C-alpha atoms as a PDB file:
ATOM      1  CA  MET A   1      -3.113  16.701  11.275  1.00  0.00           C
ATOM      2  CA  LYS A   2      -1.298  13.719   9.506  1.00  0.00           C
ATOM      3  CA  LYS A   3      -3.810  10.855   8.922  1.00  0.00           C
ATOM      4  CA  ILE A   4      -1.009   7.689   8.603  1.00  0.00           C
ATOM      5  CA  LEU A   5      -1.576   4.169   7.201  1.00  0.00           C
ATOM      6  CA  TYR A   6       0.857   1.940   7.476  1.00  0.00           C
ATOM      7  CA  ILE A   7       0.256  -1.419   5.119  1.00  0.00           C
ATOM      8  CA  THR A   8       3.017  -4.286   5.482  1.00  0.00           C
ATOM      9  CA  ALA A   9       2.955  -7.703   3.783  1.00  0.00           C
ATOM     10  CA  ASN A  10       5.234 -10.335   5.390  1.00  0.00           C
ATOM     11  CA  SER A  11       4.238 -13.164   7.549  1.00  0.00           C
ATOM     12  CA  LYS A  12       7.583 -12.391   9.469  1.00  0.00           C
ATOM     13  CA  SER A  13       8.138 -10.663  12.334  1.00  0.00           C
ATOM     14  CA  GLU A  14       9.065  -7.268  12.227  1.00  0.00           C
ATOM     15  CA  ASP A  15      12.506  -8.423  13.500  1.00  0.00           C
ATOM     16  CA  MET A  16      13.209 -10.785  10.805  1.00  0.00           C
ATOM     17  CA  SER A  17      11.645  -8.688   8.097  1.00  0.00           C
ATOM     18  CA  SER A  18      13.859  -6.238   6.391  1.00  0.00           C
ATOM     19  CA  SER A  19      10.966  -4.469   4.818  1.00  0.00           C
ATOM     20  CA  ARG A  20       8.587  -4.055   8.040  1.00  0.00           C
ATOM     21  CA  THR A  21      12.107  -3.130   9.533  1.00  0.00           C
ATOM     22  CA  VAL A  22      12.692  -0.651   7.334  1.00  0.00           C
ATOM     23  CA  GLY A  23       9.296   0.831   6.701  1.00  0.00           C
ATOM     24  CA  ARG A  24       8.850   1.201  10.648  1.00  0.00           C
ATOM     25  CA  ARG A  25      11.497   3.296  10.450  1.00  0.00           C
ATOM     26  CA  VAL A  26      10.125   5.405   8.168  1.00  0.00           C
ATOM     27  CA  VAL A  27       6.719   6.176   9.790  1.00  0.00           C
ATOM     28  CA  ASN A  28       8.900   7.204  12.632  1.00  0.00           C
ATOM     29  CA  ALA A  29      10.574   9.481  11.081  1.00  0.00           C
ATOM     30  CA  ILE A  30       7.211  10.669   9.851  1.00  0.00           C
ATOM     31  CA  LEU A  31       5.354  10.854  13.197  1.00  0.00           C
ATOM     32  CA  GLU A  32       8.705  12.732  14.682  1.00  0.00           C
ATOM     33  CA  LYS A  33       8.665  15.414  11.429  1.00  0.00           C
ATOM     34  CA  PHE A  34       4.650  15.470  12.875  1.00  0.00           C
ATOM     35  CA  ALA A  35       4.312  15.545  16.152  1.00  0.00           C
ATOM     36  CA  ASP A  36       0.321  15.706  16.117  1.00  0.00           C
ATOM     37  CA  ALA A  37       0.175  12.642  13.452  1.00  0.00           C
ATOM     38  CA  GLN A  38      -1.793   9.569  13.841  1.00  0.00           C
ATOM     39  CA  SER A  39      -1.212   6.405  12.538  1.00  0.00           C
ATOM     40  CA  GLU A  40      -2.968   3.533  11.688  1.00  0.00           C
ATOM     41  CA  GLU A  41      -1.542  -0.444  10.001  1.00  0.00           C
ATOM     42  CA  VAL A  42      -3.041  -2.944   8.337  1.00  0.00           C
ATOM     43  CA  ASP A  43      -1.199  -6.340   8.588  1.00  0.00           C
ATOM     44  CA  LEU A  44      -2.034  -7.977   5.559  1.00  0.00           C
ATOM     45  CA  TYR A  45      -2.041 -11.117   6.645  1.00  0.00           C
ATOM     46  CA  LYS A  46      -3.963 -10.738   9.369  1.00  0.00           C
ATOM     47  CA  GLU A  47      -6.834  -8.313   8.310  1.00  0.00           C
ATOM     48  CA  HIS A  48      -9.059 -10.249   6.758  1.00  0.00           C
ATOM     49  CA  ILE A  49      -9.155  -8.701   2.480  1.00  0.00           C
ATOM     50  CA  PRO A  50     -12.158 -10.030   0.961  1.00  0.00           C
ATOM     51  CA  GLN A  51     -11.629 -11.469  -2.456  1.00  0.00           C
ATOM     52  CA  LEU A  52     -14.142 -10.348  -4.073  1.00  0.00           C
ATOM     53  CA  LYS A  53     -17.288 -11.937  -5.850  1.00  0.00           C
ATOM     54  CA  GLY A  54     -19.281 -10.553  -8.804  1.00  0.00           C
ATOM     55  CA  CYS A  55     -22.580 -10.783  -6.949  1.00  0.00           C
ATOM     56  CA  TYR A  56     -21.005  -8.162  -4.460  1.00  0.00           C
ATOM     57  CA  PHE A  57     -21.047  -5.666  -7.626  1.00  0.00           C
ATOM     58  CA  ALA A  58     -24.106  -3.608  -9.244  1.00  0.00           C
ATOM     59  CA  SER A  59     -22.085  -2.685 -11.796  1.00  0.00           C
ATOM     60  CA  ARG A  60     -17.828  -2.106 -12.792  1.00  0.00           C
ATOM     61  CA  SER A  61     -16.173  -1.379  -9.374  1.00  0.00           C
ATOM     62  CA  SER A  62     -19.719   0.071  -8.007  1.00  0.00           C
ATOM     63  CA  LEU A  63     -20.650  -2.189  -4.632  1.00  0.00           C
ATOM     64  CA  VAL A  64     -24.395  -3.248  -4.040  1.00  0.00           C
ATOM     65  CA  THR A  65     -26.509  -1.335  -1.664  1.00  0.00           C
ATOM     66  CA  GLY A  66     -30.085  -1.320  -0.279  1.00  0.00           C
ATOM     67  CA  GLU A  67     -32.472  -4.231  -1.689  1.00  0.00           C
ATOM     68  CA  ALA A  68     -29.878  -6.009  -3.404  1.00  0.00           C
ATOM     69  CA  LYS A  69     -27.590  -6.114  -1.064  1.00  0.00           C
ATOM     70  CA  SER A  70     -30.332  -7.295   1.576  1.00  0.00           C
ATOM     71  CA  LYS A  71     -30.914 -10.001  -0.276  1.00  0.00           C
ATOM     72  CA  LEU A  72     -27.052 -11.420  -0.453  1.00  0.00           C
ATOM     73  CA  THR A  73     -26.110 -13.885   2.851  1.00  0.00           C
ATOM     74  CA  ALA A  74     -24.764 -12.468   5.833  1.00  0.00           C
ATOM     75  CA  GLU A  75     -21.879 -13.456   5.559  1.00  0.00           C
ATOM     76  CA  GLU A  76     -21.561 -11.813   1.827  1.00  0.00           C
ATOM     77  CA  GLN A  77     -22.967  -8.421   3.470  1.00  0.00           C
ATOM     78  CA  LYS A  78     -20.175  -8.642   6.267  1.00  0.00           C
ATOM     79  CA  GLU A  79     -17.676  -9.149   3.106  1.00  0.00           C
ATOM     80  CA  ILE A  80     -18.975  -5.871   1.492  1.00  0.00           C
ATOM     81  CA  ASP A  81     -19.210  -3.665   4.775  1.00  0.00           C
ATOM     82  CA  GLN A  82     -15.486  -4.754   4.700  1.00  0.00           C
ATOM     83  CA  VAL A  83     -14.757  -3.707   1.426  1.00  0.00           C
ATOM     84  CA  ILE A  84     -16.229  -0.244   2.279  1.00  0.00           C
ATOM     85  CA  LYS A  85     -14.411  -0.352   5.938  1.00  0.00           C
ATOM     86  CA  LEU A  86     -10.425  -0.449   4.055  1.00  0.00           C
ATOM     87  CA  CYS A  87     -11.900   2.088   1.905  1.00  0.00           C
ATOM     88  CA  ASP A  88     -12.516   4.214   3.994  1.00  0.00           C
ATOM     89  CA  GLN A  89      -9.396   3.764   6.261  1.00  0.00           C
ATOM     90  CA  PHE A  90      -7.412   4.255   3.016  1.00  0.00           C
ATOM     91  CA  LYS A  91      -9.618   7.355   1.673  1.00  0.00           C
ATOM     92  CA  ASN A  92      -9.063   9.231   4.851  1.00  0.00           C
ATOM     93  CA  ALA A  93      -5.449   8.938   5.339  1.00  0.00           C
ATOM     94  CA  ASP A  94      -2.636  11.169   4.304  1.00  0.00           C
ATOM     95  CA  ILE A  95       0.231   9.237   3.983  1.00  0.00           C
ATOM     96  CA  TYR A  96       0.897   6.098   3.011  1.00  0.00           C
ATOM     97  CA  VAL A  97       3.944   3.471   3.713  1.00  0.00           C
ATOM     98  CA  LEU A  98       3.595   0.163   2.136  1.00  0.00           C
ATOM     99  CA  ALA A  99       5.523  -2.466   3.321  1.00  0.00           C
ATOM    100  CA  SER A 100       6.652  -5.311   1.339  1.00  0.00           C
ATOM    101  CA  PRO A 101       9.404  -8.123  -0.547  1.00  0.00           C
ATOM    102  CA  MET A 102       9.990  -8.050  -4.135  1.00  0.00           C
ATOM    103  CA  TRP A 103       8.629 -12.144  -4.507  1.00  0.00           C
ATOM    104  CA  SER A 104       8.041 -13.747  -8.348  1.00  0.00           C
ATOM    105  CA  LEU A 105       9.526  -9.618  -9.659  1.00  0.00           C
ATOM    106  CA  SER A 106       6.262  -8.560  -8.323  1.00  0.00           C
ATOM    107  CA  PHE A 107       4.870  -8.158  -4.498  1.00  0.00           C
ATOM    108  CA  PRO A 108       2.958 -11.296  -2.307  1.00  0.00           C
ATOM    109  CA  ALA A 109      -0.872 -11.536  -3.513  1.00  0.00           C
ATOM    110  CA  PRO A 110      -2.481  -9.911  -0.341  1.00  0.00           C
ATOM    111  CA  VAL A 111      -1.157  -6.767  -1.820  1.00  0.00           C
ATOM    112  CA  LYS A 112      -2.993  -6.959  -4.864  1.00  0.00           C
ATOM    113  CA  GLU A 113      -6.073  -8.448  -3.366  1.00  0.00           C
ATOM    114  CA  TYR A 114      -6.238  -5.492  -1.137  1.00  0.00           C
ATOM    115  CA  ILE A 115      -5.781  -3.321  -3.975  1.00  0.00           C
ATOM    116  CA  ASP A 116      -8.403  -4.933  -5.766  1.00  0.00           C
ATOM    117  CA  CYS A 117     -10.690  -3.789  -2.368  1.00  0.00           C
ATOM    118  CA  ILE A 118      -9.817  -0.217  -2.249  1.00  0.00           C
ATOM    119  CA  VAL A 119     -10.540   0.607  -5.987  1.00  0.00           C
ATOM    120  CA  GLN A 120     -14.413   0.877  -5.987  1.00  0.00           C
ATOM    121  CA  SER A 121     -16.649   3.507  -7.257  1.00  0.00           C
ATOM    122  CA  GLY A 122     -16.894   6.382  -4.780  1.00  0.00           C
ATOM    123  CA  LYS A 123     -14.164   5.551  -2.983  1.00  0.00           C
ATOM    124  CA  THR A 124     -11.221   6.195  -4.943  1.00  0.00           C
ATOM    125  CA  ILE A 125     -12.284   6.118  -8.284  1.00  0.00           C
ATOM    126  CA  GLU A 126     -15.593   7.588 -10.316  1.00  0.00           C
ATOM    127  CA  PHE A 127     -17.179   7.468 -13.931  1.00  0.00           C
ATOM    128  CA  ASP A 128     -17.742   9.889 -16.249  1.00  0.00           C
ATOM    129  CA  ASN A 129     -19.078   8.469 -19.584  1.00  0.00           C
ATOM    130  CA  ASN A 130     -18.579   5.090 -19.023  1.00  0.00           C
ATOM    131  CA  LYS A 131     -14.415   6.314 -18.345  1.00  0.00           C
ATOM    132  CA  PRO A 132     -13.015   5.490 -14.556  1.00  0.00           C
ATOM    133  CA  HIS A 133     -10.733   8.535 -13.299  1.00  0.00           C
ATOM    134  CA  GLY A 134      -9.128   8.923  -9.463  1.00  0.00           C
ATOM    135  CA  ILE A 135     -10.658  11.071  -6.731  1.00  0.00           C
ATOM    136  CA  LEU A 136      -7.243  11.316  -4.430  1.00  0.00           C
ATOM    137  CA  ASP A 137      -6.333  14.539  -5.918  1.00  0.00           C
ATOM    138  CA  ASP A 138      -8.336  16.050  -3.049  1.00  0.00           C
ATOM    139  CA  LYS A 139      -5.874  16.818  -1.178  1.00  0.00           C
ATOM    140  CA  PRO A 140      -2.136  16.043  -0.531  1.00  0.00           C
ATOM    141  CA  ARG A 141      -1.098  12.402  -0.356  1.00  0.00           C
ATOM    142  CA  VAL A 142       2.034  11.100  -0.291  1.00  0.00           C
ATOM    143  CA  PHE A 143       2.894   7.330  -1.222  1.00  0.00           C
ATOM    144  CA  VAL A 144       6.251   5.477   0.185  1.00  0.00           C
ATOM    145  CA  TYR A 145       6.862   1.718  -0.644  1.00  0.00           C
ATOM    146  CA  VAL A 146       8.992   0.253   1.066  1.00  0.00           C
ATOM    147  CA  GLN A 147      10.574  -2.718  -0.681  1.00  0.00           C
ATOM    148  CA  SER A 148      13.106  -5.511  -0.480  1.00  0.00           C
ATOM    149  CA  SER A 149      15.344  -8.077  -2.772  1.00  0.00           C
ATOM    150  CA  GLY A 150      17.641 -10.361  -1.844  1.00  0.00           C
ATOM    151  CA  ALA A 151      19.972  -9.217  -4.881  1.00  0.00           C
ATOM    152  CA  ASN A 152      21.195  -5.526  -5.836  1.00  0.00           C
ATOM    153  CA  ILE A 153      19.657  -4.880  -8.654  1.00  0.00           C
ATOM    154  CA  SER A 154      21.500  -3.219 -11.600  1.00  0.00           C
ATOM    155  CA  TRP A 155      19.772   0.320 -12.219  1.00  0.00           C
ATOM    156  CA  ILE A 156      19.789  -0.386 -15.687  1.00  0.00           C
ATOM    157  CA  ILE A 157      17.452  -3.933 -15.429  1.00  0.00           C
ATOM    158  CA  ARG A 158      15.739  -2.242 -12.466  1.00  0.00           C
ATOM    159  CA  PRO A 159      12.177  -0.656 -14.799  1.00  0.00           C
ATOM    160  CA  ALA A 160      12.116  -4.893 -16.079  1.00  0.00           C
ATOM    161  CA  LEU A 161      12.762  -6.873 -12.757  1.00  0.00           C
ATOM    162  CA  ASN A 162      10.689  -4.122 -10.306  1.00  0.00           C
ATOM    163  CA  LYS A 163       7.167  -5.508 -11.644  1.00  0.00           C
ATOM    164  CA  GLY A 164       5.613  -4.860  -8.496  1.00  0.00           C
ATOM    165  CA  LEU A 165       6.911  -1.442  -7.830  1.00  0.00           C
ATOM    166  CA  ASN A 166       5.713  -0.130 -11.422  1.00  0.00           C
ATOM    167  CA  TYR A 167       2.395  -1.913 -10.780  1.00  0.00           C
ATOM    168  CA  VAL A 168       1.787   0.286  -7.189  1.00  0.00           C
ATOM    169  CA  HIS A 169       3.146   3.566  -9.232  1.00  0.00           C
ATOM    170  CA  ASP A 170       0.569   3.470 -11.368  1.00  0.00           C
ATOM    171  CA  ILE A 171      -2.389   2.479  -9.478  1.00  0.00           C
ATOM    172  CA  MET A 172      -2.090   5.028  -6.973  1.00  0.00           C
ATOM    173  CA  LYS A 173      -1.042   7.845  -9.943  1.00  0.00           C
ATOM    174  CA  PHE A 174      -4.170   6.332 -11.530  1.00  0.00           C
ATOM    175  CA  ILE A 175      -6.294   6.909  -8.250  1.00  0.00           C
ATOM    176  CA  GLY A 176      -4.438  10.398  -7.348  1.00  0.00           C
ATOM    177  CA  ILE A 177      -1.911  10.330  -5.193  1.00  0.00           C
ATOM    178  CA  THR A 178       1.007  11.687  -7.538  1.00  0.00           C
ATOM    179  CA  THR A 179       3.671  12.465  -5.252  1.00  0.00           C
ATOM    180  CA  PHE A 180       4.974   8.637  -4.666  1.00  0.00           C
ATOM    181  CA  GLU A 181       8.555   7.544  -3.284  1.00  0.00           C
ATOM    182  CA  GLU A 182      10.042   4.205  -3.728  1.00  0.00           C
ATOM    183  CA  LEU A 183      12.567   2.900  -0.961  1.00  0.00           C
ATOM    184  CA  LEU A 184      14.517  -0.280  -1.503  1.00  0.00           C
ATOM    185  CA  VAL A 185      16.252  -2.360   0.411  1.00  0.00           C
ATOM    186  CA  ASP A 186      18.263  -3.685  -1.663  1.00  0.00           C
ATOM    187  CA  GLY A 187      20.722  -7.231  -1.262  1.00  0.00           C
ATOM    188  CA  THR A 188      19.415  -8.965   1.802  1.00  0.00           C
ATOM    189  CA  GLY A 189      21.041 -11.411   0.123  1.00  0.00           C
ATOM    190  CA  THR A 190      21.612 -15.132   1.985  1.00  0.00           C
ATOM    191  CA  THR A 191      23.227 -13.964   5.304  1.00  0.00           C
ATOM    192  CA  GLU A 192      21.905 -11.997   8.083  1.00  0.00           C
ATOM    193  CA  GLN A 193      25.244  -9.671   8.250  1.00  0.00           C
ATOM    194  CA  GLU A 194      24.451  -8.747   4.362  1.00  0.00           C
ATOM    195  CA  ARG A 195      20.555  -8.516   5.363  1.00  0.00           C
ATOM    196  CA  GLN A 196      21.529  -6.038   8.368  1.00  0.00           C
ATOM    197  CA  GLU A 197      23.779  -3.550   5.759  1.00  0.00           C
ATOM    198  CA  ALA A 198      20.697  -3.877   3.464  1.00  0.00           C
ATOM    199  CA  ILE A 199      18.547  -2.513   6.088  1.00  0.00           C
ATOM    200  CA  GLN A 200      21.368  -0.229   6.858  1.00  0.00           C
ATOM    201  CA  ASN A 201      21.436   1.374   3.740  1.00  0.00           C
ATOM    202  CA  ALA A 202      18.425   1.836   3.257  1.00  0.00           C
ATOM    203  CA  THR A 203      17.911   3.569   6.805  1.00  0.00           C
ATOM    204  CA  ASN A 204      20.427   5.978   5.659  1.00  0.00           C
ATOM    205  CA  LYS A 205      17.996   7.153   2.464  1.00  0.00           C
ATOM    206  CA  ILE A 206      15.323   7.678   5.493  1.00  0.00           C
ATOM    207  CA  ASP A 207      16.042  11.418   7.085  1.00  0.00           C
ATOM    208  CA  SER A 208      17.131  12.890   3.342  1.00  0.00           C
ATOM    209  CA  MET A 209      13.747  11.451   1.899  1.00  0.00           C
ATOM    210  CA  ILE A 210      11.327  12.512   4.834  1.00  0.00           C
ATOM    211  CA  ASN A 211      12.630  15.954   4.311  1.00  0.00           C
ATOM    212  CA  ARG A 212      12.348  16.024   0.551  1.00  0.00           C
ATOM    213  CA  LEU A 213       9.040  14.511   0.691  1.00  0.00           C
ATOM    214  CA  PHE A 214       7.834  17.186   3.202  1.00  0.00           C
ATOM    215  CA  LEU A 215       9.157  20.420   3.057  1.00  0.00           C
END
């Protein structure tokens, strides 16, 4: 049974968000592909994403436990438990869909805060000789990044401008998820007609993408 984790990073309602509209269609297409699949959703504007503090860690990317944790305040312990919850939820999934707009050549801040939470020792990475390496290569995993942007970005300059997409790709590869697919909702423009055309153009690519990813 496939487990899908759908992560959204836009405070707009789904019908007003181009990335979330297309992201939902991707999730629905995967659910149609795998009739027994289960899906969970994380709205990064509604889910509490802890801001990490030094007192939460015993060492680099290793959360405190036991007596050290018990010495923290109740609120701090609750924050650590939330980080663990997010890590376990992420680790237990097989398929990931992240829907986000491009903001300032990157993504909204909650995406980075979320990634910082899930990259933890013993959960998604481990250290050997003080060198970190990903451990999510333990089973086949697929990550789909749905990104919307107002402009039609030329393929020539796309690598330089898509800093958020590049970062997400690199960090997923680092933690062990090597099957990564981008679905760009470019050219949402300034009018509703332009936005709907961009959404449809991206939607038209979903079936072939799903067939390619899940042969």
